[in-house]
């Protein structure tokens, strides 16, 4: 039985997340989704996820192609491997050829874990969604002027 591991923040779950999980499930017998903790996401991305960890775990666990979820609380993927014992690690291809991607491949080659990259979904991401939400909720200059105008000036 080949066990796959697909780590991610999975914040504001979207089609890119679903694509990676579906593709990963098709390449292994059992898929474990590693959901990155709030603290790890803050350290890696400089901001907390919009959706808290416990809710993200529940959302990802509800996806049919996911067999189990793992709360990822350590940055060292080899340490996670020692606990989960997966055979394949799935990542978005935005990691391919980068220093961190090459390190991941080298580290896992030593323990016989294959690193498989999937196409990154360019048209959507949690960062794009976060920006859209911030822009949608940020009042415009005219809205601020209208709200602060004297009652007779409106």
N, C-alpha and C. Protein backbone atom coordinates (compact mmCIF):
# COMPACT_ATOMS: atom_id res chain seq x y z
N UNK A 1 0.85 -1.19 0.00
CA UNK A 1 0.00 0.00 0.00
C UNK A 1 0.89 1.25 0.00
N UNK A 2 0.64 2.13 -0.96
CA UNK A 2 1.40 3.39 -1.05
C UNK A 2 0.60 4.50 -0.39
N UNK A 3 1.25 5.15 0.58
CA UNK A 3 0.62 6.25 1.32
C UNK A 3 1.16 7.56 0.78
N UNK A 4 0.24 8.45 0.44
CA UNK A 4 0.61 9.77 -0.05
C UNK A 4 0.36 10.82 1.02
N UNK A 5 1.14 11.88 0.97
CA UNK A 5 1.01 12.97 1.92
C UNK A 5 0.95 14.29 1.15
N UNK A 6 -0.11 15.05 1.37
CA UNK A 6 -0.30 16.32 0.67
C UNK A 6 -0.43 17.44 1.70
N UNK A 7 0.69 18.10 2.02
CA UNK A 7 0.64 19.18 3.00
C UNK A 7 0.17 20.49 2.39
N UNK A 8 -0.48 21.31 3.20
CA UNK A 8 -0.91 22.62 2.76
C UNK A 8 -1.58 23.37 3.89
N UNK A 9 -1.72 24.66 3.72
CA UNK A 9 -2.45 25.45 4.72
C UNK A 9 -3.95 25.20 4.54
N UNK A 10 -4.39 25.06 3.29
CA UNK A 10 -5.80 24.83 2.96
C UNK A 10 -6.70 25.90 3.55
N UNK A 11 -6.23 27.15 3.51
CA UNK A 11 -7.03 28.27 3.99
C UNK A 11 -8.02 28.67 2.90
N UNK A 12 -9.21 29.03 3.28
CA UNK A 12 -10.27 29.42 2.34
C UNK A 12 -10.32 28.39 1.20
N UNK A 13 -10.65 27.17 1.55
CA UNK A 13 -10.59 26.04 0.63
C UNK A 13 -11.18 26.39 -0.74
N UNK A 14 -10.41 26.12 -1.80
CA UNK A 14 -10.81 26.49 -3.16
C UNK A 14 -10.46 25.38 -4.14
N UNK A 15 -10.75 25.59 -5.40
CA UNK A 15 -10.59 24.58 -6.44
C UNK A 15 -9.14 24.12 -6.59
N UNK A 16 -8.18 24.98 -6.37
CA UNK A 16 -6.78 24.58 -6.43
C UNK A 16 -6.46 23.52 -5.38
N UNK A 17 -6.99 23.71 -4.17
CA UNK A 17 -6.82 22.71 -3.12
C UNK A 17 -7.45 21.38 -3.54
N UNK A 18 -8.67 21.46 -4.04
CA UNK A 18 -9.38 20.24 -4.45
C UNK A 18 -8.64 19.54 -5.58
N UNK A 19 -8.11 20.30 -6.53
CA UNK A 19 -7.35 19.69 -7.64
C UNK A 19 -6.15 18.91 -7.13
N UNK A 20 -5.39 19.50 -6.22
CA UNK A 20 -4.21 18.82 -5.68
C UNK A 20 -4.61 17.55 -4.94
N UNK A 21 -5.64 17.63 -4.12
CA UNK A 21 -6.06 16.46 -3.35
C UNK A 21 -6.58 15.35 -4.26
N UNK A 22 -7.35 15.70 -5.26
CA UNK A 22 -7.85 14.68 -6.20
C UNK A 22 -6.71 14.02 -6.98
N UNK A 23 -5.78 14.84 -7.48
CA UNK A 23 -4.65 14.30 -8.22
C UNK A 23 -3.78 13.42 -7.32
N UNK A 24 -3.58 13.85 -6.10
CA UNK A 24 -2.78 13.07 -5.15
C UNK A 24 -3.45 11.73 -4.84
N UNK A 25 -4.74 11.75 -4.60
CA UNK A 25 -5.47 10.52 -4.27
C UNK A 25 -5.40 9.50 -5.41
N UNK A 26 -5.36 10.00 -6.64
CA UNK A 26 -5.30 9.11 -7.80
C UNK A 26 -3.93 8.42 -7.92
N UNK A 27 -2.93 8.90 -7.20
CA UNK A 27 -1.57 8.34 -7.32
C UNK A 27 -1.12 7.55 -6.10
N UNK A 28 -2.04 7.28 -5.18
CA UNK A 28 -1.66 6.50 -4.01
C UNK A 28 -2.87 5.68 -3.54
N UNK A 29 -2.63 4.77 -2.61
CA UNK A 29 -3.71 3.94 -2.08
C UNK A 29 -4.41 4.59 -0.90
N UNK A 30 -3.69 5.41 -0.19
CA UNK A 30 -4.24 6.11 0.99
C UNK A 30 -3.64 7.52 0.99
N UNK A 31 -4.51 8.52 1.13
CA UNK A 31 -4.05 9.91 1.12
C UNK A 31 -4.23 10.55 2.49
N UNK A 32 -3.13 11.07 3.00
CA UNK A 32 -3.14 11.85 4.24
C UNK A 32 -2.90 13.30 3.85
N UNK A 33 -3.79 14.19 4.26
CA UNK A 33 -3.63 15.62 4.01
C UNK A 33 -3.05 16.26 5.27
N UNK A 34 -1.90 16.87 5.13
CA UNK A 34 -1.28 17.57 6.25
C UNK A 34 -1.75 19.01 6.26
N UNK A 35 -2.47 19.39 7.30
CA UNK A 35 -3.00 20.74 7.41
C UNK A 35 -2.07 21.54 8.33
N UNK A 36 -1.43 22.54 7.75
CA UNK A 36 -0.43 23.34 8.46
C UNK A 36 -1.09 24.16 9.57
N UNK A 37 -0.49 24.12 10.75
CA UNK A 37 -1.04 24.84 11.91
C UNK A 37 -1.02 26.35 11.68
N UNK A 38 -1.81 27.05 12.47
CA UNK A 38 -1.85 28.51 12.39
C UNK A 38 -0.47 29.11 12.63
N UNK A 39 0.23 28.59 13.64
CA UNK A 39 1.55 29.12 13.99
C UNK A 39 2.56 28.88 12.87
N UNK A 40 2.51 27.70 12.26
CA UNK A 40 3.43 27.40 11.16
C UNK A 40 3.12 28.28 9.95
N UNK A 41 1.83 28.50 9.67
CA UNK A 41 1.45 29.37 8.55
C UNK A 41 1.94 30.79 8.81
N UNK A 42 1.79 31.26 10.03
CA UNK A 42 2.26 32.60 10.39
C UNK A 42 3.77 32.71 10.19
N UNK A 43 4.51 31.71 10.63
CA UNK A 43 5.98 31.72 10.48
C UNK A 43 6.38 31.69 9.00
N UNK A 44 5.67 30.91 8.18
CA UNK A 44 6.05 30.74 6.77
C UNK A 44 5.56 31.89 5.90
N UNK A 45 4.37 32.41 6.18
CA UNK A 45 3.76 33.39 5.28
C UNK A 45 3.64 34.79 5.88
N UNK A 46 3.92 34.91 7.17
CA UNK A 46 3.86 36.22 7.81
C UNK A 46 2.46 36.67 8.18
N UNK A 47 1.50 35.77 8.11
CA UNK A 47 0.12 36.11 8.49
C UNK A 47 -0.61 34.83 8.89
N UNK A 48 -1.60 35.01 9.74
CA UNK A 48 -2.41 33.87 10.16
C UNK A 48 -3.42 33.51 9.08
N UNK A 49 -3.80 32.26 8.99
CA UNK A 49 -4.88 31.90 8.07
C UNK A 49 -6.19 32.59 8.47
N UNK A 50 -7.08 32.78 7.51
CA UNK A 50 -8.39 33.35 7.79
C UNK A 50 -9.23 32.33 8.57
N UNK A 51 -9.16 31.09 8.16
CA UNK A 51 -9.92 30.00 8.78
C UNK A 51 -9.03 29.33 9.83
N UNK A 52 -9.50 29.18 11.08
CA UNK A 52 -8.68 28.55 12.12
C UNK A 52 -8.39 27.07 11.83
N UNK A 53 -7.31 26.57 12.40
CA UNK A 53 -6.85 25.21 12.15
C UNK A 53 -7.93 24.16 12.35
N UNK A 54 -8.63 24.19 13.46
CA UNK A 54 -9.64 23.15 13.73
C UNK A 54 -10.70 23.10 12.63
N UNK A 55 -11.10 24.24 12.12
CA UNK A 55 -12.09 24.27 11.03
C UNK A 55 -11.48 23.78 9.74
N UNK A 56 -10.21 24.16 9.45
CA UNK A 56 -9.56 23.68 8.24
C UNK A 56 -9.39 22.16 8.28
N UNK A 57 -9.07 21.61 9.44
CA UNK A 57 -8.96 20.15 9.59
C UNK A 57 -10.30 19.48 9.26
N UNK A 58 -11.39 20.03 9.77
CA UNK A 58 -12.71 19.46 9.51
C UNK A 58 -13.09 19.55 8.03
N UNK A 59 -12.79 20.68 7.42
CA UNK A 59 -13.12 20.87 6.00
C UNK A 59 -12.37 19.86 5.14
N UNK A 60 -11.07 19.76 5.34
CA UNK A 60 -10.25 18.86 4.53
C UNK A 60 -10.63 17.40 4.80
N UNK A 61 -10.92 17.08 6.04
CA UNK A 61 -11.31 15.71 6.40
C UNK A 61 -12.63 15.30 5.72
N UNK A 62 -13.47 16.27 5.40
CA UNK A 62 -14.76 15.98 4.78
C UNK A 62 -14.66 15.70 3.28
N UNK A 63 -13.49 15.93 2.68
CA UNK A 63 -13.29 15.69 1.25
C UNK A 63 -13.18 14.18 1.02
N UNK A 64 -13.99 13.66 0.11
CA UNK A 64 -14.07 12.22 -0.12
C UNK A 64 -12.73 11.56 -0.45
N UNK A 65 -11.88 12.21 -1.18
CA UNK A 65 -10.62 11.58 -1.60
C UNK A 65 -9.55 11.59 -0.52
N UNK A 66 -9.81 12.25 0.60
CA UNK A 66 -8.86 12.31 1.72
C UNK A 66 -9.21 11.20 2.71
N UNK A 67 -8.21 10.36 3.01
CA UNK A 67 -8.45 9.25 3.95
C UNK A 67 -8.17 9.64 5.39
N UNK A 68 -7.29 10.60 5.62
CA UNK A 68 -6.96 11.05 6.97
C UNK A 68 -6.35 12.44 6.89
N UNK A 69 -6.46 13.17 7.99
CA UNK A 69 -5.81 14.48 8.08
C UNK A 69 -4.79 14.44 9.20
N UNK A 70 -3.79 15.29 9.06
CA UNK A 70 -2.71 15.39 10.04
C UNK A 70 -2.47 16.85 10.33
N UNK A 71 -2.48 17.22 11.59
CA UNK A 71 -2.18 18.59 11.96
C UNK A 71 -0.67 18.77 11.95
N UNK A 72 -0.18 19.54 10.99
CA UNK A 72 1.25 19.71 10.81
C UNK A 72 1.74 20.86 11.68
N UNK A 73 2.52 20.51 12.70
CA UNK A 73 2.96 21.51 13.68
C UNK A 73 4.46 21.72 13.71
N UNK A 74 5.20 21.00 12.86
CA UNK A 74 6.66 21.15 12.81
C UNK A 74 7.07 21.49 11.38
N UNK A 75 8.10 22.31 11.24
CA UNK A 75 8.55 22.72 9.91
C UNK A 75 9.31 21.62 9.19
N UNK A 76 9.94 20.73 9.93
CA UNK A 76 10.76 19.67 9.34
C UNK A 76 9.87 18.56 8.80
N UNK A 77 9.79 18.47 7.46
CA UNK A 77 8.93 17.45 6.83
C UNK A 77 9.43 16.03 7.14
N UNK A 78 10.73 15.86 7.37
CA UNK A 78 11.24 14.53 7.74
C UNK A 78 10.71 14.10 9.10
N UNK A 79 10.55 15.06 10.00
CA UNK A 79 9.97 14.74 11.30
C UNK A 79 8.50 14.31 11.13
N UNK A 80 7.79 14.99 10.25
CA UNK A 80 6.42 14.58 9.94
C UNK A 80 6.42 13.18 9.34
N UNK A 81 7.35 12.91 8.42
CA UNK A 81 7.45 11.59 7.80
C UNK A 81 7.66 10.50 8.84
N UNK A 82 8.48 10.76 9.86
CA UNK A 82 8.74 9.77 10.91
C UNK A 82 7.46 9.40 11.65
N UNK A 83 6.51 10.32 11.72
CA UNK A 83 5.25 10.04 12.42
C UNK A 83 4.17 9.49 11.48
N UNK A 84 4.09 10.00 10.26
CA UNK A 84 3.03 9.60 9.33
C UNK A 84 3.45 8.40 8.48
N UNK A 85 4.73 8.33 8.10
CA UNK A 85 5.29 7.25 7.27
C UNK A 85 4.63 7.14 5.91
N UNK A 86 4.78 8.19 5.11
CA UNK A 86 4.24 8.21 3.75
C UNK A 86 5.31 7.82 2.75
N UNK A 87 4.87 7.40 1.57
CA UNK A 87 5.77 6.97 0.49
C UNK A 87 5.94 8.03 -0.59
N UNK A 88 4.96 8.92 -0.69
CA UNK A 88 4.96 9.96 -1.72
C UNK A 88 4.58 11.28 -1.05
N UNK A 89 5.31 12.33 -1.39
CA UNK A 89 4.97 13.67 -0.91
C UNK A 89 4.51 14.47 -2.12
N UNK A 90 3.36 15.08 -2.02
CA UNK A 90 2.79 15.87 -3.12
C UNK A 90 2.93 17.36 -2.80
N UNK A 91 3.39 18.13 -3.80
CA UNK A 91 3.53 19.57 -3.66
C UNK A 91 3.09 20.24 -4.94
N UNK A 92 2.75 21.53 -4.85
CA UNK A 92 2.47 22.32 -6.04
C UNK A 92 3.76 22.58 -6.80
N UNK A 93 3.67 22.70 -8.11
CA UNK A 93 4.89 22.85 -8.91
C UNK A 93 5.56 24.22 -8.75
N UNK A 94 4.98 25.09 -7.94
CA UNK A 94 5.67 26.34 -7.62
C UNK A 94 6.89 26.07 -6.74
N UNK A 95 7.02 24.84 -6.21
CA UNK A 95 8.19 24.44 -5.42
C UNK A 95 9.30 23.86 -6.31
N UNK A 96 8.91 23.35 -7.49
CA UNK A 96 9.88 22.66 -8.35
C UNK A 96 11.02 23.60 -8.76
N UNK A 97 12.26 23.11 -8.60
CA UNK A 97 13.42 23.87 -9.02
C UNK A 97 13.85 24.98 -8.08
N UNK A 98 13.11 25.18 -6.99
CA UNK A 98 13.48 26.21 -6.01
C UNK A 98 14.45 25.61 -5.00
N UNK A 99 15.17 26.44 -4.27
CA UNK A 99 16.06 25.90 -3.24
C UNK A 99 15.32 25.01 -2.22
N UNK A 100 14.13 25.44 -1.79
CA UNK A 100 13.41 24.61 -0.81
C UNK A 100 12.88 23.33 -1.46
N UNK A 101 12.53 23.37 -2.73
CA UNK A 101 12.10 22.15 -3.44
C UNK A 101 13.25 21.17 -3.62
N UNK A 102 14.42 21.69 -3.99
CA UNK A 102 15.59 20.82 -4.15
C UNK A 102 16.00 20.19 -2.82
N UNK A 103 15.91 20.95 -1.73
CA UNK A 103 16.23 20.42 -0.41
C UNK A 103 15.23 19.33 -0.03
N UNK A 104 13.98 19.57 -0.29
CA UNK A 104 12.93 18.58 0.00
C UNK A 104 13.22 17.28 -0.75
N UNK A 105 13.52 17.39 -2.02
CA UNK A 105 13.82 16.21 -2.83
C UNK A 105 15.04 15.46 -2.30
N UNK A 106 16.09 16.19 -1.95
CA UNK A 106 17.31 15.55 -1.44
C UNK A 106 17.06 14.87 -0.09
N UNK A 107 16.35 15.56 0.79
CA UNK A 107 16.05 14.99 2.12
C UNK A 107 15.24 13.71 1.99
N UNK A 108 14.25 13.72 1.11
CA UNK A 108 13.37 12.56 1.00
C UNK A 108 13.97 11.44 0.16
N UNK A 109 14.91 11.74 -0.71
CA UNK A 109 15.59 10.68 -1.47
C UNK A 109 16.31 9.73 -0.52
N UNK A 110 16.84 10.26 0.56
CA UNK A 110 17.57 9.45 1.55
C UNK A 110 16.68 8.39 2.19
N UNK A 111 15.39 8.70 2.39
CA UNK A 111 14.48 7.75 3.03
C UNK A 111 13.54 7.06 2.03
N UNK A 112 13.78 7.29 0.73
CA UNK A 112 13.02 6.59 -0.30
C UNK A 112 11.63 7.13 -0.57
N UNK A 113 11.41 8.40 -0.24
CA UNK A 113 10.11 9.02 -0.50
C UNK A 113 10.18 9.78 -1.82
N UNK A 114 9.22 9.53 -2.67
CA UNK A 114 9.12 10.21 -3.96
C UNK A 114 8.43 11.56 -3.77
N UNK A 115 8.96 12.61 -4.41
CA UNK A 115 8.31 13.92 -4.39
C UNK A 115 7.66 14.13 -5.75
N UNK A 116 6.35 14.35 -5.73
CA UNK A 116 5.58 14.53 -6.97
C UNK A 116 4.99 15.94 -6.95
N UNK A 117 5.18 16.64 -8.07
CA UNK A 117 4.66 18.00 -8.20
C UNK A 117 3.41 18.02 -9.08
N UNK A 118 2.46 18.83 -8.69
CA UNK A 118 1.26 19.04 -9.49
C UNK A 118 1.19 20.50 -9.93
N UNK A 119 0.55 20.76 -11.07
CA UNK A 119 0.45 22.14 -11.54
C UNK A 119 -0.26 23.03 -10.51
N UNK A 120 0.34 24.17 -10.27
CA UNK A 120 -0.23 25.17 -9.37
C UNK A 120 -1.40 25.83 -10.09
N UNK A 121 -2.52 26.00 -9.41
CA UNK A 121 -3.69 26.63 -10.02
C UNK A 121 -3.47 28.15 -10.02
N UNK A 122 -3.14 28.70 -11.18
CA UNK A 122 -2.76 30.10 -11.27
C UNK A 122 -3.92 31.08 -11.06
N UNK A 123 -5.11 30.71 -11.48
CA UNK A 123 -6.21 31.67 -11.45
C UNK A 123 -6.85 31.83 -10.07
N UNK A 124 -6.47 30.99 -9.12
CA UNK A 124 -7.01 31.16 -7.77
C UNK A 124 -6.00 30.67 -6.74
N UNK A 125 -6.02 31.33 -5.61
CA UNK A 125 -5.19 30.93 -4.47
C UNK A 125 -5.79 31.60 -3.24
N UNK A 126 -5.41 31.12 -2.09
CA UNK A 126 -5.88 31.76 -0.87
C UNK A 126 -5.41 33.20 -0.79
N UNK A 127 -4.20 33.47 -1.31
CA UNK A 127 -3.69 34.86 -1.30
C UNK A 127 -4.54 35.76 -2.19
N UNK A 128 -4.93 35.27 -3.36
CA UNK A 128 -5.80 36.04 -4.25
C UNK A 128 -7.15 36.28 -3.58
N UNK A 129 -7.70 35.23 -2.95
CA UNK A 129 -8.99 35.38 -2.26
C UNK A 129 -8.89 36.36 -1.10
N UNK A 130 -7.79 36.29 -0.35
CA UNK A 130 -7.59 37.21 0.78
C UNK A 130 -7.55 38.66 0.29
N UNK A 131 -6.84 38.90 -0.80
CA UNK A 131 -6.75 40.25 -1.36
C UNK A 131 -8.13 40.73 -1.83
N UNK A 132 -8.87 39.85 -2.48
CA UNK A 132 -10.22 40.21 -2.94
C UNK A 132 -11.12 40.56 -1.76
N UNK A 133 -11.03 39.79 -0.69
CA UNK A 133 -11.84 40.08 0.50
C UNK A 133 -11.45 41.41 1.13
N UNK A 134 -10.15 41.65 1.22
CA UNK A 134 -9.70 42.93 1.80
C UNK A 134 -10.17 44.10 0.97
N UNK A 135 -10.11 43.98 -0.35
CA UNK A 135 -10.55 45.06 -1.23
C UNK A 135 -12.06 45.23 -1.19
N UNK A 136 -12.78 44.13 -1.06
CA UNK A 136 -14.25 44.20 -1.02
C UNK A 136 -14.75 44.82 0.26
N UNK A 137 -14.00 44.67 1.34
CA UNK A 137 -14.47 45.20 2.62
C UNK A 137 -13.87 46.56 2.97
N UNK A 138 -12.89 46.99 2.19
CA UNK A 138 -12.26 48.30 2.42
C UNK A 138 -13.17 49.37 1.83
N UNK A 139 -13.63 50.32 2.63
CA UNK A 139 -14.52 51.36 2.09
C UNK A 139 -13.78 52.27 1.11
N UNK A 140 -14.52 52.77 0.16
CA UNK A 140 -13.96 53.71 -0.81
C UNK A 140 -13.93 55.10 -0.19
N UNK A 141 -13.21 56.01 -0.81
CA UNK A 141 -13.12 57.40 -0.34
C UNK A 141 -14.52 58.02 -0.31
N UNK A 142 -15.33 57.78 -1.34
CA UNK A 142 -16.68 58.38 -1.37
C UNK A 142 -17.57 57.80 -0.28
N UNK A 143 -17.41 56.53 0.04
CA UNK A 143 -18.20 55.93 1.12
C UNK A 143 -17.81 56.55 2.47
N UNK A 144 -16.51 56.77 2.67
CA UNK A 144 -16.06 57.38 3.92
C UNK A 144 -16.57 58.82 4.01
N UNK A 145 -16.47 59.57 2.92
CA UNK A 145 -16.94 60.96 2.90
C UNK A 145 -18.43 61.04 3.18
N UNK A 146 -19.17 60.14 2.57
CA UNK A 146 -20.63 60.12 2.76
C UNK A 146 -20.99 59.78 4.20
N UNK A 147 -20.28 58.84 4.79
CA UNK A 147 -20.59 58.40 6.16
C UNK A 147 -20.21 59.46 7.19
N UNK A 148 -19.22 60.27 6.88
CA UNK A 148 -18.75 61.28 7.86
C UNK A 148 -19.34 62.66 7.60
N UNK A 149 -20.09 62.82 6.52
CA UNK A 149 -20.68 64.13 6.21
C UNK A 149 -21.78 64.48 7.21
N UNK A 150 -21.96 65.74 7.43
CA UNK A 150 -23.04 66.19 8.30
C UNK A 150 -24.37 65.78 7.68
N UNK A 151 -25.40 65.53 8.51
CA UNK A 151 -26.70 65.04 7.97
C UNK A 151 -27.25 65.91 6.85
N UNK A 152 -27.09 67.21 6.90
CA UNK A 152 -27.63 68.08 5.86
C UNK A 152 -26.82 68.05 4.57
N UNK A 153 -25.59 67.55 4.66
CA UNK A 153 -24.71 67.50 3.49
C UNK A 153 -24.86 66.23 2.66
N UNK A 154 -25.59 65.26 3.19
CA UNK A 154 -25.69 63.96 2.50
C UNK A 154 -26.70 63.98 1.40
